[in-house]
């Protein structure tokens, strides 16, 4: 069993180090070579996608790499940078237990929590932390009395390897999550927490975070750390930062990132495929959980005449379709859905309930309200300000610079009320779309987007769609 020191923020780290190294003993002049195997944004993906990934294949790859690197004399660590269970039936319906059991078997050493790990509420995450044989990290989560919740740790030390991991979650949690996810919690700014925490670090420090690559790179360049491993952006990337390295390993367990820290720091990615072998112990864990889930989720719903994707610089085929269904279901004049909330594409051919679930896994309901035309224009301006805020639409079309905005083919009236429908996440100002909070006559229809999508596939199968541009770029 690995020996781990878990320290609360502000604790005398030197005392803990001495107790492991021996009184009066200092770290060796040449620290041991360390190899870190890292993943992020697994989102509960237990099955392969087009012969890539899969939890059993991921476990086999990690164990193989750990064995190889250990044989070369390296001290190997396995870490995860958050959003580990939410997004699939296997992750959601087991409330993350399946993924934690697999991570325990793999031998994960530390996990930095992500925004979606709070989706089912802090008590569910607390239960998962208790189930885990490794620490969950987040230095910038606070309760009302300014303490870090007992199920989270700011950092974890491994004195024998002269390594410590620090965890950070996004301070944007109030706009990234629904209220249920953060009851009783606050999320101080990352840079302020780092400024207090890093000076306390005695060993080579690796930051594990779930902030998105832009903010992570900004912070990594401002601080001297051995390595910074990130998540949230679903990017596969590696970039030098001074003498260290910044890395993020894509998403869905399709690759394992490998960082070597020794005389120099380097990184690479190893692909994951079930063709290269699957871990039998993790397959056995899956077999305990998945049969009943498969019976429900593998039910054929209908058929698609073509692939339907959320990709597109302007409108997307899948985004248009979902917004049309929202508008038709509620008889609203305009529909809005955040593209980042559309979590998967659909392939041509048979469509299972599982496929639709992975498109819309958040259990969002449809919310109707009235907004002034001027509010709608302000909403569109925010949507076009950054790609992460982009809104898919129905009933409205516009030029990207908003020089022309039409509702049902007629120029928008800034003073008129329009009936708008959106999802329950956006309706409460999610993704910084605060304009929705001005809505009047707000009504939760209690209609789940997944349900109307399922009924549409059943009713119109085989479904044939045509892309209709609604967001006109220059």
Protein backbone atom coordinates (compact mmCIF):
# COMPACT_ATOMS: atom_id res chain seq x y z
CA UNK A 1 0.00 0.00 0.00
CA UNK A 2 1.33 3.44 -0.89
CA UNK A 3 2.29 5.71 1.98
CA UNK A 4 0.51 9.07 1.76
CA UNK A 5 0.65 12.23 3.85
CA UNK A 6 -2.54 14.33 3.60
CA UNK A 7 -2.09 17.81 5.02
CA UNK A 8 -4.68 20.49 5.74
CA UNK A 9 -3.87 23.94 4.39
CA UNK A 10 -1.54 25.85 6.77
CA UNK A 11 -0.21 22.75 8.54
CA UNK A 12 3.52 22.57 9.32
CA UNK A 13 4.52 20.62 6.23
CA UNK A 14 8.12 20.49 7.37
CA UNK A 15 7.17 18.54 10.49
CA UNK A 16 5.40 15.92 8.41
CA UNK A 17 8.38 15.69 6.10
CA UNK A 18 10.79 15.17 9.00
CA UNK A 19 8.65 12.41 10.44
CA UNK A 20 8.98 10.52 7.13
CA UNK A 21 12.61 11.34 6.32
CA UNK A 22 14.04 11.02 9.79
CA UNK A 23 14.92 13.81 12.22
CA UNK A 24 17.52 16.19 10.84
CA UNK A 25 17.39 14.57 7.40
CA UNK A 26 16.90 16.71 4.28
CA UNK A 27 15.60 15.65 0.87
CA UNK A 28 18.34 14.14 -1.28
CA UNK A 29 20.24 16.45 -3.63
CA UNK A 30 18.97 14.43 -6.59
CA UNK A 31 15.26 13.69 -6.17
CA UNK A 32 14.05 10.38 -7.57
CA UNK A 33 12.65 10.23 -11.09
CA UNK A 34 8.87 10.50 -11.06
CA UNK A 35 6.39 9.48 -13.75
CA UNK A 36 2.81 10.74 -13.58
CA UNK A 37 0.04 8.97 -15.52
CA UNK A 38 -2.88 11.34 -15.87
CA UNK A 39 -6.43 11.42 -17.22
CA UNK A 40 -9.25 13.97 -17.03
CA UNK A 41 -12.90 14.40 -18.00
CA UNK A 42 -13.73 10.68 -18.15
CA UNK A 43 -17.42 11.60 -17.76
CA UNK A 44 -18.37 8.03 -16.87
CA UNK A 45 -17.30 6.61 -20.24
CA UNK A 46 -17.04 2.92 -19.36
CA UNK A 47 -17.48 1.60 -22.91
CA UNK A 48 -15.19 2.23 -25.91
CA UNK A 49 -16.12 4.83 -28.52
CA UNK A 50 -15.24 3.65 -32.04
CA UNK A 51 -12.56 1.29 -30.69
CA UNK A 52 -11.04 4.01 -28.49
CA UNK A 53 -11.08 4.16 -24.72
CA UNK A 54 -13.24 2.05 -22.45
CA UNK A 55 -12.67 1.72 -18.71
CA UNK A 56 -11.27 -1.82 -18.82
CA UNK A 57 -8.87 -0.87 -21.62
CA UNK A 58 -7.88 2.29 -19.74
CA UNK A 59 -7.09 0.22 -16.65
CA UNK A 60 -5.00 -2.22 -18.69
CA UNK A 61 -3.02 0.62 -20.28
CA UNK A 62 -2.35 2.37 -16.97
CA UNK A 63 -1.21 -0.86 -15.28
CA UNK A 64 1.04 -1.68 -18.24
CA UNK A 65 2.65 1.77 -18.22
CA UNK A 66 3.08 1.67 -14.45
CA UNK A 67 4.83 -1.70 -14.65
CA UNK A 68 7.14 -0.52 -17.45
CA UNK A 69 8.11 2.74 -15.76
CA UNK A 70 8.61 1.11 -12.36
CA UNK A 71 10.97 -1.40 -13.97
CA UNK A 72 13.04 1.57 -15.19
CA UNK A 73 13.38 2.81 -11.62
CA UNK A 74 10.71 5.52 -11.64
CA UNK A 75 8.22 6.23 -8.89
CA UNK A 76 4.85 6.19 -10.69
CA UNK A 77 1.72 8.10 -9.74
CA UNK A 78 -1.78 7.87 -11.24
CA UNK A 79 -3.95 11.00 -11.08
CA UNK A 80 -7.28 12.27 -12.41
CA UNK A 81 -8.31 15.90 -12.99
CA UNK A 82 -12.04 15.73 -12.49
CA UNK A 83 -15.45 15.25 -14.10
CA UNK A 84 -14.92 11.54 -13.59
CA UNK A 85 -18.45 10.08 -13.48
CA UNK A 86 -21.20 12.37 -14.80
CA UNK A 87 -22.45 12.02 -18.39
CA UNK A 88 -23.33 8.36 -18.99
CA UNK A 89 -25.97 6.04 -17.54
CA UNK A 90 -23.20 3.96 -15.94
CA UNK A 91 -21.76 6.99 -14.19
CA UNK A 92 -25.01 8.73 -13.26
CA UNK A 93 -27.25 5.82 -12.28
CA UNK A 94 -24.57 4.37 -9.97
CA UNK A 95 -23.93 7.90 -8.63
CA UNK A 96 -20.25 7.46 -9.45
CA UNK A 97 -19.72 4.29 -7.43
CA UNK A 98 -18.79 2.22 -10.47
CA UNK A 99 -16.04 4.67 -11.46
CA UNK A 100 -14.65 4.95 -7.93
CA UNK A 101 -14.50 1.16 -7.59
CA UNK A 102 -12.58 0.99 -10.89
CA UNK A 103 -10.23 3.79 -9.82
CA UNK A 104 -9.55 1.96 -6.56
CA UNK A 105 -8.60 -1.12 -8.56
CA UNK A 106 -6.41 0.89 -10.94
CA UNK A 107 -4.57 2.44 -8.00
CA UNK A 108 -5.32 6.13 -8.43
CA UNK A 109 -3.16 8.23 -6.07
CA UNK A 110 -5.05 11.55 -6.19
CA UNK A 111 -8.09 13.08 -7.87
CA UNK A 112 -8.85 16.78 -8.30
CA UNK A 113 -12.62 17.20 -8.39
CA UNK A 114 -14.37 18.90 -11.33
CA UNK A 115 -17.55 20.95 -11.59
CA UNK A 116 -19.71 18.02 -12.75
CA UNK A 117 -18.56 15.89 -9.81
CA UNK A 118 -20.87 18.10 -7.70
CA UNK A 119 -23.91 17.69 -10.00
CA UNK A 120 -25.77 15.28 -7.70
CA UNK A 121 -25.02 17.44 -4.67
CA UNK A 122 -22.15 17.63 -2.12
CA UNK A 123 -23.46 14.66 -0.06
CA UNK A 124 -23.05 12.32 -3.06
CA UNK A 125 -19.47 13.53 -3.61
CA UNK A 126 -18.76 13.12 0.10
CA UNK A 127 -19.94 9.49 -0.06
CA UNK A 128 -17.72 8.87 -3.09
CA UNK A 129 -14.72 10.38 -1.29
CA UNK A 130 -15.34 8.03 1.62
CA UNK A 131 -15.55 5.07 -0.78
CA UNK A 132 -12.28 6.03 -2.51
CA UNK A 133 -8.93 4.68 -1.37
CA UNK A 134 -7.26 7.91 -2.52
CA UNK A 135 -7.71 11.58 -1.58
CA UNK A 136 -9.94 13.99 -3.48
CA UNK A 137 -8.35 17.41 -3.80
CA UNK A 138 -9.68 20.98 -4.07
CA UNK A 139 -7.93 23.72 -2.11
CA UNK A 140 -10.46 26.42 -3.04
CA UNK A 141 -13.72 24.97 -1.76
CA UNK A 142 -15.08 26.47 1.45
CA UNK A 143 -18.03 25.93 3.75
CA UNK A 144 -19.80 28.79 5.53
CA UNK A 145 -17.27 28.72 8.40
CA UNK A 146 -14.42 29.04 5.83
CA UNK A 147 -13.25 25.46 6.39
CA UNK A 148 -12.55 23.05 3.54
CA UNK A 149 -15.14 20.23 3.59
CA UNK A 150 -13.76 17.17 5.35
CA UNK A 151 -14.18 15.03 2.22
CA UNK A 152 -11.74 17.26 0.30
CA UNK A 153 -8.05 18.01 0.89
CA UNK A 154 -6.04 20.99 -0.37
CA UNK A 155 -2.99 18.85 -1.13
CA UNK A 156 -1.35 15.50 -0.61
CA UNK A 157 2.36 14.77 -0.03
CA UNK A 158 4.51 11.80 -0.97
CA UNK A 159 7.74 12.55 0.95
CA UNK A 160 9.60 9.46 -0.25
CA UNK A 161 9.30 10.74 -3.83
CA UNK A 162 9.66 14.42 -2.83
CA UNK A 163 6.40 15.18 -4.62
CA UNK A 164 3.17 16.86 -3.57
CA UNK A 165 -0.06 17.42 -5.46
CA UNK A 166 -2.19 20.54 -5.01
CA UNK A 167 -5.83 20.55 -6.21
CA UNK A 168 -7.89 23.44 -7.64
CA UNK A 169 -11.45 23.66 -8.97
CA UNK A 170 -12.89 26.54 -10.97
CA UNK A 171 -14.00 29.60 -9.01
CA UNK A 172 -16.71 29.90 -11.70
CA UNK A 173 -18.74 27.15 -10.03
CA UNK A 174 -21.72 29.50 -9.42
CA UNK A 175 -22.20 29.83 -13.19
CA UNK A 176 -21.03 26.33 -14.16
CA UNK A 177 -23.43 24.40 -11.94
CA UNK A 178 -27.00 24.37 -10.71
CA UNK A 179 -27.74 25.53 -7.17
CA UNK A 180 -28.14 21.99 -5.84
CA UNK A 181 -24.52 21.25 -6.73
CA UNK A 182 -23.04 23.91 -4.44
CA UNK A 183 -25.39 24.22 -1.47
CA UNK A 184 -23.45 25.66 1.47
CA UNK A 185 -20.22 26.04 -0.51
CA UNK A 186 -18.16 28.91 -1.90
CA UNK A 187 -15.20 28.85 -4.27
CA UNK A 188 -12.43 31.42 -3.64
CA UNK A 189 -10.33 32.69 -6.53
CA UNK A 190 -7.67 30.22 -7.62
CA UNK A 191 -4.85 32.79 -7.71
CA UNK A 192 -5.53 33.90 -4.14
CA UNK A 193 -5.52 30.35 -2.80
CA UNK A 194 -2.34 29.51 -4.71
CA UNK A 195 -0.57 32.59 -3.36
CA UNK A 196 -1.16 31.29 0.18
CA UNK A 197 -0.67 27.58 -0.47
CA UNK A 198 2.38 27.28 -2.74
CA UNK A 199 4.85 28.86 -0.26
CA UNK A 200 3.94 26.09 2.17
CA UNK A 201 4.91 23.37 -0.30
CA UNK A 202 8.16 21.65 0.66
CA UNK A 203 8.59 19.32 -2.30
CA UNK A 204 8.35 19.43 -6.07
CA UNK A 205 4.80 20.61 -6.62
CA UNK A 206 2.36 19.37 -9.25
CA UNK A 207 -0.94 21.24 -9.56
CA UNK A 208 -3.98 19.18 -10.51
CA UNK A 209 -6.82 21.43 -11.61
CA UNK A 210 -10.16 21.61 -13.36
CA UNK A 211 -10.28 25.17 -14.65
CA UNK A 212 -9.93 24.98 -18.43
CA UNK A 213 -6.68 25.34 -20.35
CA UNK A 214 -6.74 29.13 -20.77
CA UNK A 215 -6.93 29.90 -17.05
CA UNK A 216 -4.63 27.01 -16.19
CA UNK A 217 -1.92 28.22 -18.56
CA UNK A 218 -2.22 31.76 -17.23
CA UNK A 219 -1.70 30.57 -13.66
CA UNK A 220 0.96 28.02 -14.58
CA UNK A 221 3.07 30.72 -16.24
CA UNK A 222 2.78 32.88 -13.13
CA UNK A 223 3.97 30.21 -10.70
CA UNK A 224 7.03 27.97 -10.58
CA UNK A 225 5.79 24.38 -10.35
CA UNK A 226 7.22 21.07 -11.56
CA UNK A 227 4.12 20.40 -13.65
CA UNK A 228 0.54 21.55 -14.06
CA UNK A 229 -2.07 18.99 -15.13
CA UNK A 230 -5.47 20.31 -16.14
CA UNK A 231 -8.99 19.47 -17.20
CA UNK A 232 -12.38 20.88 -18.22
CA UNK A 233 -11.44 21.93 -21.79
CA UNK A 234 -11.26 18.37 -23.15
CA UNK A 235 -8.02 19.33 -24.92
CA UNK A 236 -5.13 17.00 -25.67
CA UNK A 237 -2.20 19.34 -25.24
CA UNK A 238 1.29 19.68 -23.80
CA UNK A 239 3.19 22.95 -23.45
CA UNK A 240 6.44 23.95 -21.77
CA UNK A 241 6.09 26.41 -18.87
CA UNK A 242 9.54 27.50 -17.74
CA UNK A 243 11.32 24.43 -16.43
CA UNK A 244 8.00 22.63 -16.02
CA UNK A 245 5.20 21.38 -18.24
CA UNK A 246 1.47 21.96 -18.71
CA UNK A 247 -0.62 19.00 -19.94
CA UNK A 248 -4.23 17.99 -20.45
CA UNK A 249 -5.23 14.55 -21.75
CA UNK A 250 -8.34 15.09 -23.84
CA UNK A 251 -11.48 13.38 -22.52
CA UNK A 252 -13.42 10.11 -22.23
CA UNK A 253 -10.31 8.07 -21.40
CA UNK A 254 -9.15 7.83 -25.01
CA UNK A 255 -5.54 8.60 -24.03
CA UNK A 256 -3.32 8.47 -20.95
CA UNK A 257 -0.96 11.38 -20.43
CA UNK A 258 2.57 10.49 -19.32
CA UNK A 259 4.76 13.11 -17.62
CA UNK A 260 8.37 12.30 -16.69
CA UNK A 261 9.98 14.48 -14.04
CA UNK A 262 13.70 13.91 -13.59
CA UNK A 263 16.74 15.73 -14.86
CA UNK A 264 14.34 17.23 -17.37
CA UNK A 265 10.57 17.25 -17.66
CA UNK A 266 8.85 15.75 -20.68
CA UNK A 267 5.39 14.58 -21.65
CA UNK A 268 3.67 12.30 -24.13
CA UNK A 269 0.31 10.62 -24.73
CA UNK A 270 -0.46 6.91 -24.98
CA UNK A 271 -3.59 5.85 -26.86
CA UNK A 272 -6.13 3.52 -25.25
CA UNK A 273 -7.85 0.76 -27.22
CA UNK A 274 -9.63 -2.45 -26.21
CA UNK A 275 -7.72 -4.15 -29.06
CA UNK A 276 -4.59 -3.85 -26.91
CA UNK A 277 -6.19 -5.66 -23.99
CA UNK A 278 -8.63 -5.10 -21.14
CA UNK A 279 -8.17 -5.48 -17.42
CA UNK A 280 -10.08 -8.49 -16.11
CA UNK A 281 -10.62 -7.08 -12.62
CA UNK A 282 -12.18 -3.89 -13.97
CA UNK A 283 -14.31 -5.97 -16.38
CA UNK A 284 -15.59 -7.84 -13.32
CA UNK A 285 -16.50 -4.52 -11.66
CA UNK A 286 -18.44 -3.52 -14.77
CA UNK A 287 -20.23 -6.85 -14.78
CA UNK A 288 -21.55 -6.17 -11.26
CA UNK A 289 -23.17 -2.89 -12.27
CA UNK A 290 -24.05 -2.80 -15.94
CA UNK A 291 -26.49 -5.66 -16.88
CA UNK A 292 -29.60 -3.91 -15.53
CA UNK A 293 -28.50 -0.54 -16.94
CA UNK A 294 -27.89 -2.13 -20.35
CA UNK A 295 -31.39 -3.63 -20.43
CA UNK A 296 -32.89 -0.15 -20.21
CA UNK A 297 -30.37 1.96 -22.08
CA UNK A 298 -29.73 -0.31 -25.08
CA UNK A 299 -33.40 -0.18 -26.10
CA UNK A 300 -33.68 0.86 -29.78
CA UNK A 301 -35.73 4.06 -30.08
CA UNK A 302 -35.64 4.62 -33.82
CA UNK A 303 -33.31 5.43 -36.68
CA UNK A 304 -31.44 8.41 -38.14
CA UNK A 305 -31.06 8.80 -41.88
CA UNK A 306 -27.76 10.64 -41.35
CA UNK A 307 -25.28 11.53 -38.63
CA UNK A 308 -26.38 14.52 -36.53
CA UNK A 309 -23.61 16.64 -35.05
CA UNK A 310 -23.29 19.59 -32.67
CA UNK A 311 -20.30 20.88 -34.64
CA UNK A 312 -20.45 24.12 -36.61
CA UNK A 313 -19.05 27.64 -36.48
CA UNK A 314 -22.60 28.96 -36.59
CA UNK A 315 -25.70 26.82 -36.26
CA UNK A 316 -25.37 23.05 -35.85
CA UNK A 317 -27.76 20.37 -37.03
CA UNK A 318 -28.19 18.83 -33.59
CA UNK A 319 -28.53 22.22 -31.90
CA UNK A 320 -31.22 23.31 -34.36
CA UNK A 321 -33.12 20.07 -33.89
CA UNK A 322 -33.13 20.25 -30.08
CA UNK A 323 -34.20 23.90 -30.10
CA UNK A 324 -36.98 23.16 -32.59
CA UNK A 325 -38.26 20.40 -30.30
CA UNK A 326 -38.16 22.75 -27.31
CA UNK A 327 -40.12 25.42 -29.15
CA UNK A 328 -42.67 22.99 -30.55
CA UNK A 329 -43.24 21.39 -27.15
CA UNK A 330 -43.96 24.72 -25.41
CA UNK A 331 -45.30 26.81 -28.32
CA UNK A 332 -42.71 29.45 -27.49
CA UNK A 333 -41.60 31.97 -30.11
CA UNK A 334 -37.85 31.59 -29.48
CA UNK A 335 -35.79 28.71 -28.09
CA UNK A 336 -32.26 28.81 -26.68
CA UNK A 337 -29.91 25.96 -25.71
CA UNK A 338 -26.25 26.24 -24.77
CA UNK A 339 -24.02 24.30 -27.17
CA UNK A 340 -21.77 23.24 -24.29
CA UNK A 341 -24.81 21.49 -22.80
CA UNK A 342 -25.15 19.24 -25.87
CA UNK A 343 -22.77 16.51 -24.78
CA UNK A 344 -22.54 14.07 -27.70
CA UNK A 345 -23.21 13.66 -31.42
CA UNK A 346 -25.53 11.05 -32.94
CA UNK A 347 -24.43 8.55 -35.58
CA UNK A 348 -26.39 7.42 -38.62
CA UNK A 349 -28.52 4.30 -38.12
CA UNK A 350 -30.21 2.79 -35.07
CA UNK A 351 -30.60 5.15 -32.11
CA UNK A 352 -30.71 3.70 -28.59
CA UNK A 353 -31.94 5.40 -25.43
CA UNK A 354 -28.27 5.41 -24.35
CA UNK A 355 -27.33 7.58 -27.35
CA UNK A 356 -29.98 10.18 -26.57
CA UNK A 357 -29.09 10.14 -22.88
CA UNK A 358 -25.50 11.03 -23.66
CA UNK A 359 -26.69 14.00 -25.73
CA UNK A 360 -28.75 15.34 -22.81
CA UNK A 361 -27.58 13.78 -19.52
CA UNK A 362 -28.37 16.68 -17.18
CA UNK A 363 -32.09 16.06 -16.52
CA UNK A 364 -32.83 19.65 -17.56
CA UNK A 365 -36.45 20.68 -17.81
CA UNK A 366 -37.91 23.27 -20.17
CA UNK A 367 -38.51 26.73 -18.70
CA UNK A 368 -40.66 29.33 -20.42
CA UNK A 369 -40.62 33.08 -19.74
CA UNK A 370 -41.21 36.46 -21.32
CA UNK A 371 -38.25 38.64 -22.36
CA UNK A 372 -38.18 42.04 -24.04
CA UNK A 373 -36.69 42.20 -27.53
CA UNK A 374 -33.89 44.34 -26.07
CA UNK A 375 -33.14 41.56 -23.56
CA UNK A 376 -32.98 39.00 -26.37
CA UNK A 377 -30.47 41.17 -28.25
CA UNK A 378 -28.33 41.49 -25.12
CA UNK A 379 -28.53 37.73 -24.65
CA UNK A 380 -27.27 37.18 -28.22
CA UNK A 381 -24.42 39.64 -27.68
CA UNK A 382 -23.21 37.60 -24.71
CA UNK A 383 -23.68 34.36 -26.65
CA UNK A 384 -21.40 35.63 -29.44
CA UNK A 385 -18.74 37.09 -27.12
CA UNK A 386 -16.93 33.77 -26.58
CA UNK A 387 -17.31 30.29 -28.11
CA UNK A 388 -18.08 28.78 -24.70
CA UNK A 389 -21.19 30.97 -24.42
CA UNK A 390 -22.63 30.13 -27.85
CA UNK A 391 -26.39 29.49 -27.89
CA UNK A 392 -28.20 27.32 -30.39
CA UNK A 393 -31.53 28.84 -31.41
CA UNK A 394 -34.95 28.27 -32.97
CA UNK A 395 -37.49 30.84 -34.14
CA UNK A 396 -34.81 33.51 -34.49
CA UNK A 397 -31.95 34.18 -36.90
CA UNK A 398 -29.29 36.85 -36.76
CA UNK A 399 -26.01 38.12 -38.10
CA UNK A 400 -23.05 37.60 -35.81
CA UNK A 401 -22.52 41.34 -35.38
CA UNK A 402 -26.25 41.69 -34.51
CA UNK A 403 -26.76 44.24 -37.28
CA UNK A 404 -29.78 42.16 -38.24
CA UNK A 405 -31.96 40.07 -35.90
CA UNK A 406 -35.23 38.52 -37.04
CA UNK A 407 -37.93 36.58 -35.18
CA UNK A 408 -40.17 34.49 -37.45
CA UNK A 409 -38.70 36.36 -40.40
CA UNK A 410 -39.59 39.83 -39.01
CA UNK A 411 -37.04 42.31 -37.55
CA UNK A 412 -37.03 42.05 -33.78
CA UNK A 413 -38.96 44.68 -31.84
CA UNK A 414 -36.83 45.85 -28.89
CA UNK A 415 -39.92 46.89 -26.90
CA UNK A 416 -42.08 43.85 -27.50
CA UNK A 417 -42.41 40.84 -25.16
CA UNK A 418 -41.43 37.49 -26.64
CA UNK A 419 -42.21 34.05 -25.19
CA UNK A 420 -38.88 32.28 -24.79
CA UNK A 421 -38.04 28.71 -23.81
CA UNK A 422 -34.70 27.52 -22.50
CA UNK A 423 -33.34 24.76 -20.29
CA UNK A 424 -33.40 24.91 -16.50
CA UNK A 425 -29.63 25.44 -16.26
CA UNK A 426 -29.64 28.55 -18.45
CA UNK A 427 -32.87 29.84 -16.94
CA UNK A 428 -31.04 30.44 -13.66
CA UNK A 429 -28.19 32.32 -15.31
CA UNK A 430 -25.93 29.37 -16.08
CA UNK A 431 -22.80 30.05 -18.17
CA UNK A 432 -23.10 33.72 -17.17
CA UNK A 433 -26.30 34.18 -19.21
CA UNK A 434 -27.70 36.48 -16.52
CA UNK A 435 -30.26 38.04 -18.89
CA UNK A 436 -32.51 35.02 -18.32
CA UNK A 437 -32.87 36.16 -14.70
CA UNK A 438 -34.91 39.13 -16.01
CA UNK A 439 -37.57 36.81 -17.36
CA UNK A 440 -41.17 37.43 -16.35
CA UNK A 441 -44.02 34.93 -16.01
CA UNK A 442 -41.41 32.20 -15.58
CA UNK A 443 -42.84 28.68 -15.70
CA UNK A 444 -41.10 25.34 -15.22
CA UNK A 445 -42.97 22.98 -17.55
CA UNK A 446 -41.36 19.97 -15.81
CA UNK A 447 -40.88 18.53 -19.32
CA UNK A 448 -37.49 16.80 -19.66
CA UNK A 449 -35.62 17.58 -22.89
CA UNK A 450 -34.52 13.95 -23.14
CA UNK A 451 -38.14 12.81 -23.15
CA UNK A 452 -39.25 15.05 -26.01
CA UNK A 453 -36.14 14.05 -27.97
CA UNK A 454 -36.96 10.38 -27.46
CA UNK A 455 -40.57 10.85 -28.58
CA UNK A 456 -39.47 12.77 -31.67
CA UNK A 457 -37.18 9.95 -32.77
CA UNK A 458 -39.93 7.38 -32.23
CA UNK A 459 -42.53 9.41 -34.10
CA UNK A 460 -40.45 10.44 -37.13
CA UNK A 461 -38.10 7.48 -37.61
CA UNK A 462 -36.14 7.31 -39.85
CA UNK A 463 -35.37 10.95 -38.99
CA UNK A 464 -34.20 13.14 -41.88
CA UNK A 465 -32.88 16.63 -41.11
CA UNK A 466 -31.55 19.55 -43.12
CA UNK A 467 -29.16 22.15 -41.71
CA UNK A 468 -30.80 25.58 -41.69
CA UNK A 469 -28.31 28.37 -40.92
CA UNK A 470 -29.67 30.62 -38.17
CA UNK A 471 -26.45 32.22 -36.94
CA UNK A 472 -24.96 34.04 -39.93
CA UNK A 473 -21.23 34.62 -39.62
CA UNK A 474 -19.38 37.24 -41.65
